[in-house]
Amino acid sequence: MLENILKICIVSLVHIFILFSIAPIIDNAFSPLQKKDSNSEILFEIITQLLFISIAWSVLNQYVLKAINRYFKIRHTKVINNITNTISSLVLIGLQSHLINKLKYITHEHPLRIFQIFD
């Protein structure tokens, strides 16, 4: 029992380290907020960054995390799946400073209305 908990902690730490390494790379692949851009351009950048994060998250969970679990001989249970999904979502989205700034700008300063999107 204690050995399994230790294995899960080690796998979680390795997973977090991988996410902390990849998240800034994804964030820097996209431009920071340019307030001179139109709302539709900013919205397009937000959508593409979210799609890229989703694809990266899917690949990490399908291939990398399963390989780590196989190496440590951990069965993929519902609890472990929930833990890794929560960690992945918090780290990957939380470290996207360009995305967060764009979302704040769009939602607070320029609310999305149908008329502003198509200007």
C-alpha atoms as a PDB file:
ATOM      1  CA  MET A   1       0.000   0.000   0.000  1.00  0.00           C
ATOM      2  CA  LEU A   2       2.698   2.488   1.023  1.00  0.00           C
ATOM      3  CA  GLU A   3       4.780   1.398  -1.961  1.00  0.00           C
ATOM      4  CA  ASN A   4       1.876   2.173  -4.322  1.00  0.00           C
ATOM      5  CA  ILE A   5       1.398   5.634  -2.822  1.00  0.00           C
ATOM      6  CA  LEU A   6       5.117   6.311  -3.203  1.00  0.00           C
ATOM      7  CA  LYS A   7       4.991   5.190  -6.840  1.00  0.00           C
ATOM      8  CA  ILE A   8       2.000   7.441  -7.527  1.00  0.00           C
ATOM      9  CA  CYS A   9       3.817  10.390  -5.934  1.00  0.00           C
ATOM     10  CA  ILE A  10       6.913   9.758  -8.053  1.00  0.00           C
ATOM     11  CA  VAL A  11       4.843   9.455 -11.232  1.00  0.00           C
ATOM     12  CA  SER A  12       3.000  12.667 -10.355  1.00  0.00           C
ATOM     13  CA  LEU A  13       6.275  14.512  -9.791  1.00  0.00           C
ATOM     14  CA  VAL A  14       7.686  13.287 -13.104  1.00  0.00           C
ATOM     15  CA  HIS A  15       4.441  14.289 -14.817  1.00  0.00           C
ATOM     16  CA  ILE A  16       4.533  17.752 -13.240  1.00  0.00           C
ATOM     17  CA  PHE A  17       8.176  18.188 -14.264  1.00  0.00           C
ATOM     18  CA  ILE A  18       7.316  17.296 -17.866  1.00  0.00           C
ATOM     19  CA  LEU A  19       4.377  19.716 -17.842  1.00  0.00           C
ATOM     20  CA  PHE A  20       6.489  22.516 -16.343  1.00  0.00           C
ATOM     21  CA  SER A  21       8.996  21.931 -19.136  1.00  0.00           C
ATOM     22  CA  ILE A  22       6.481  21.882 -21.985  1.00  0.00           C
ATOM     23  CA  ALA A  23       4.012  24.595 -20.916  1.00  0.00           C
ATOM     24  CA  PRO A  24       6.374  27.573 -21.381  1.00  0.00           C
ATOM     25  CA  ILE A  25       7.420  26.248 -24.788  1.00  0.00           C
ATOM     26  CA  ILE A  26       3.788  26.185 -25.882  1.00  0.00           C
ATOM     27  CA  ASP A  27       3.194  29.650 -24.426  1.00  0.00           C
ATOM     28  CA  ASN A  28       6.203  31.160 -26.200  1.00  0.00           C
ATOM     29  CA  ALA A  29       5.106  29.638 -29.509  1.00  0.00           C
ATOM     30  CA  PHE A  30       2.273  32.190 -29.513  1.00  0.00           C
ATOM     31  CA  SER A  31       2.609  35.959 -29.521  1.00  0.00           C
ATOM     32  CA  PRO A  32       1.869  38.071 -26.465  1.00  0.00           C
ATOM     33  CA  LEU A  33      -1.187  40.311 -26.373  1.00  0.00           C
ATOM     34  CA  GLN A  34      -1.103  43.007 -29.046  1.00  0.00           C
ATOM     35  CA  LYS A  35      -3.824  45.506 -28.146  1.00  0.00           C
ATOM     36  CA  LYS A  36      -3.608  47.024 -31.608  1.00  0.00           C
ATOM     37  CA  ASP A  37      -4.903  43.772 -33.145  1.00  0.00           C
ATOM     38  CA  SER A  38      -8.600  43.432 -33.812  1.00  0.00           C
ATOM     39  CA  ASN A  39     -10.810  41.385 -31.511  1.00  0.00           C
ATOM     40  CA  SER A  40     -11.244  38.728 -34.168  1.00  0.00           C
ATOM     41  CA  GLU A  41      -7.469  38.298 -34.495  1.00  0.00           C
ATOM     42  CA  ILE A  42      -7.076  38.000 -30.726  1.00  0.00           C
ATOM     43  CA  LEU A  43      -9.970  35.540 -30.597  1.00  0.00           C
ATOM     44  CA  PHE A  44      -8.370  33.459 -33.365  1.00  0.00           C
ATOM     45  CA  GLU A  45      -5.084  33.342 -31.427  1.00  0.00           C
ATOM     46  CA  ILE A  46      -6.949  32.265 -28.275  1.00  0.00           C
ATOM     47  CA  ILE A  47      -8.736  29.469 -30.116  1.00  0.00           C
ATOM     48  CA  THR A  48      -5.585  28.198 -31.828  1.00  0.00           C
ATOM     49  CA  GLN A  49      -3.625  28.240 -28.570  1.00  0.00           C
ATOM     50  CA  LEU A  50      -6.396  26.332 -26.783  1.00  0.00           C
ATOM     51  CA  LEU A  51      -6.508  23.773 -29.602  1.00  0.00           C
ATOM     52  CA  PHE A  52      -2.740  23.346 -29.457  1.00  0.00           C
ATOM     53  CA  ILE A  53      -2.874  22.899 -25.664  1.00  0.00           C
ATOM     54  CA  SER A  54      -5.640  20.304 -26.063  1.00  0.00           C
ATOM     55  CA  ILE A  55      -3.606  18.336 -28.587  1.00  0.00           C
ATOM     56  CA  ALA A  56      -0.483  18.498 -26.418  1.00  0.00           C
ATOM     57  CA  TRP A  57      -2.488  17.436 -23.366  1.00  0.00           C
ATOM     58  CA  SER A  58      -3.987  14.511 -25.260  1.00  0.00           C
ATOM     59  CA  VAL A  59      -0.599  13.331 -26.543  1.00  0.00           C
ATOM     60  CA  LEU A  60       0.958  13.635 -23.095  1.00  0.00           C
ATOM     61  CA  ASN A  61      -1.827  11.645 -21.460  1.00  0.00           C
ATOM     62  CA  GLN A  62      -2.019   8.985 -24.160  1.00  0.00           C
ATOM     63  CA  TYR A  63       1.636   8.261 -24.714  1.00  0.00           C
ATOM     64  CA  VAL A  64       3.973   9.796 -22.155  1.00  0.00           C
ATOM     65  CA  LEU A  65       1.921   9.206 -19.037  1.00  0.00           C
ATOM     66  CA  LYS A  66       1.046   5.643 -20.043  1.00  0.00           C
ATOM     67  CA  ALA A  67       4.735   4.913 -20.656  1.00  0.00           C
ATOM     68  CA  ILE A  68       5.637   6.297 -17.229  1.00  0.00           C
ATOM     69  CA  ASN A  69       2.884   4.241 -15.600  1.00  0.00           C
ATOM     70  CA  ARG A  70       4.077   1.101 -17.411  1.00  0.00           C
ATOM     71  CA  TYR A  71       7.628   1.739 -16.241  1.00  0.00           C
ATOM     72  CA  PHE A  72       6.528   2.041 -12.602  1.00  0.00           C
ATOM     73  CA  LYS A  73       3.949  -0.770 -13.023  1.00  0.00           C
ATOM     74  CA  ILE A  74       0.972   1.365 -11.994  1.00  0.00           C
ATOM     75  CA  ARG A  75      -2.446   0.377 -13.248  1.00  0.00           C
ATOM     76  CA  HIS A  76      -4.459   3.227 -14.709  1.00  0.00           C
ATOM     77  CA  THR A  77      -7.418   3.504 -12.334  1.00  0.00           C
ATOM     78  CA  LYS A  78     -10.152   6.141 -12.253  1.00  0.00           C
ATOM     79  CA  VAL A  79      -8.601   7.919  -9.263  1.00  0.00           C
ATOM     80  CA  ILE A  80      -5.174   8.155 -10.875  1.00  0.00           C
ATOM     81  CA  ASN A  81      -6.797   9.297 -14.112  1.00  0.00           C
ATOM     82  CA  ASN A  82      -8.651  12.093 -12.269  1.00  0.00           C
ATOM     83  CA  ILE A  83      -5.494  13.168 -10.452  1.00  0.00           C
ATOM     84  CA  THR A  84      -3.390  13.347 -13.617  1.00  0.00           C
ATOM     85  CA  ASN A  85      -6.114  15.159 -15.557  1.00  0.00           C
ATOM     86  CA  THR A  86      -6.455  17.757 -12.813  1.00  0.00           C
ATOM     87  CA  ILE A  87      -2.702  18.272 -12.573  1.00  0.00           C
ATOM     88  CA  SER A  88      -2.388  18.510 -16.359  1.00  0.00           C
ATOM     89  CA  SER A  89      -5.163  21.033 -16.754  1.00  0.00           C
ATOM     90  CA  LEU A  90      -3.990  23.279 -13.925  1.00  0.00           C
ATOM     91  CA  VAL A  91      -0.355  23.305 -14.994  1.00  0.00           C
ATOM     92  CA  LEU A  92      -0.852  23.564 -18.747  1.00  0.00           C
ATOM     93  CA  ILE A  93      -3.464  26.326 -18.599  1.00  0.00           C
ATOM     94  CA  GLY A  94      -2.027  28.066 -15.549  1.00  0.00           C
ATOM     95  CA  LEU A  95       1.384  28.582 -17.149  1.00  0.00           C
ATOM     96  CA  GLN A  96       0.014  30.085 -20.355  1.00  0.00           C
ATOM     97  CA  SER A  97       0.606  33.765 -19.523  1.00  0.00           C
ATOM     98  CA  HIS A  98       0.024  34.968 -23.099  1.00  0.00           C
ATOM     99  CA  LEU A  99      -3.287  33.108 -23.238  1.00  0.00           C
ATOM    100  CA  ILE A 100      -4.396  34.398 -19.833  1.00  0.00           C
ATOM    101  CA  ASN A 101      -3.600  37.996 -20.787  1.00  0.00           C
ATOM    102  CA  LYS A 102      -5.541  37.668 -24.039  1.00  0.00           C
ATOM    103  CA  LEU A 103      -8.525  36.156 -22.251  1.00  0.00           C
ATOM    104  CA  LYS A 104      -8.525  38.941 -19.650  1.00  0.00           C
ATOM    105  CA  TYR A 105      -8.330  41.571 -22.373  1.00  0.00           C
ATOM    106  CA  ILE A 106     -11.148  40.070 -24.426  1.00  0.00           C
ATOM    107  CA  THR A 107     -13.490  39.439 -21.496  1.00  0.00           C
ATOM    108  CA  HIS A 108     -12.918  42.570 -19.406  1.00  0.00           C
ATOM    109  CA  GLU A 109     -12.014  45.375 -21.740  1.00  0.00           C
ATOM    110  CA  HIS A 110     -13.692  44.256 -24.954  1.00  0.00           C
ATOM    111  CA  PRO A 111     -16.666  41.980 -24.301  1.00  0.00           C
ATOM    112  CA  LEU A 112     -17.362  39.729 -27.251  1.00  0.00           C
ATOM    113  CA  ARG A 113     -20.450  40.885 -29.021  1.00  0.00           C
ATOM    114  CA  ILE A 114     -21.408  39.812 -32.485  1.00  0.00           C
ATOM    115  CA  PHE A 115     -20.839  43.353 -33.792  1.00  0.00           C
ATOM    116  CA  GLN A 116     -17.297  43.611 -32.472  1.00  0.00           C
ATOM    117  CA  ILE A 117     -16.175  40.264 -33.858  1.00  0.00           C
ATOM    118  CA  PHE A 118     -16.988  41.195 -37.445  1.00  0.00           C
ATOM    119  CA  ASP A 119     -15.708  44.796 -37.456  1.00  0.00           C
END
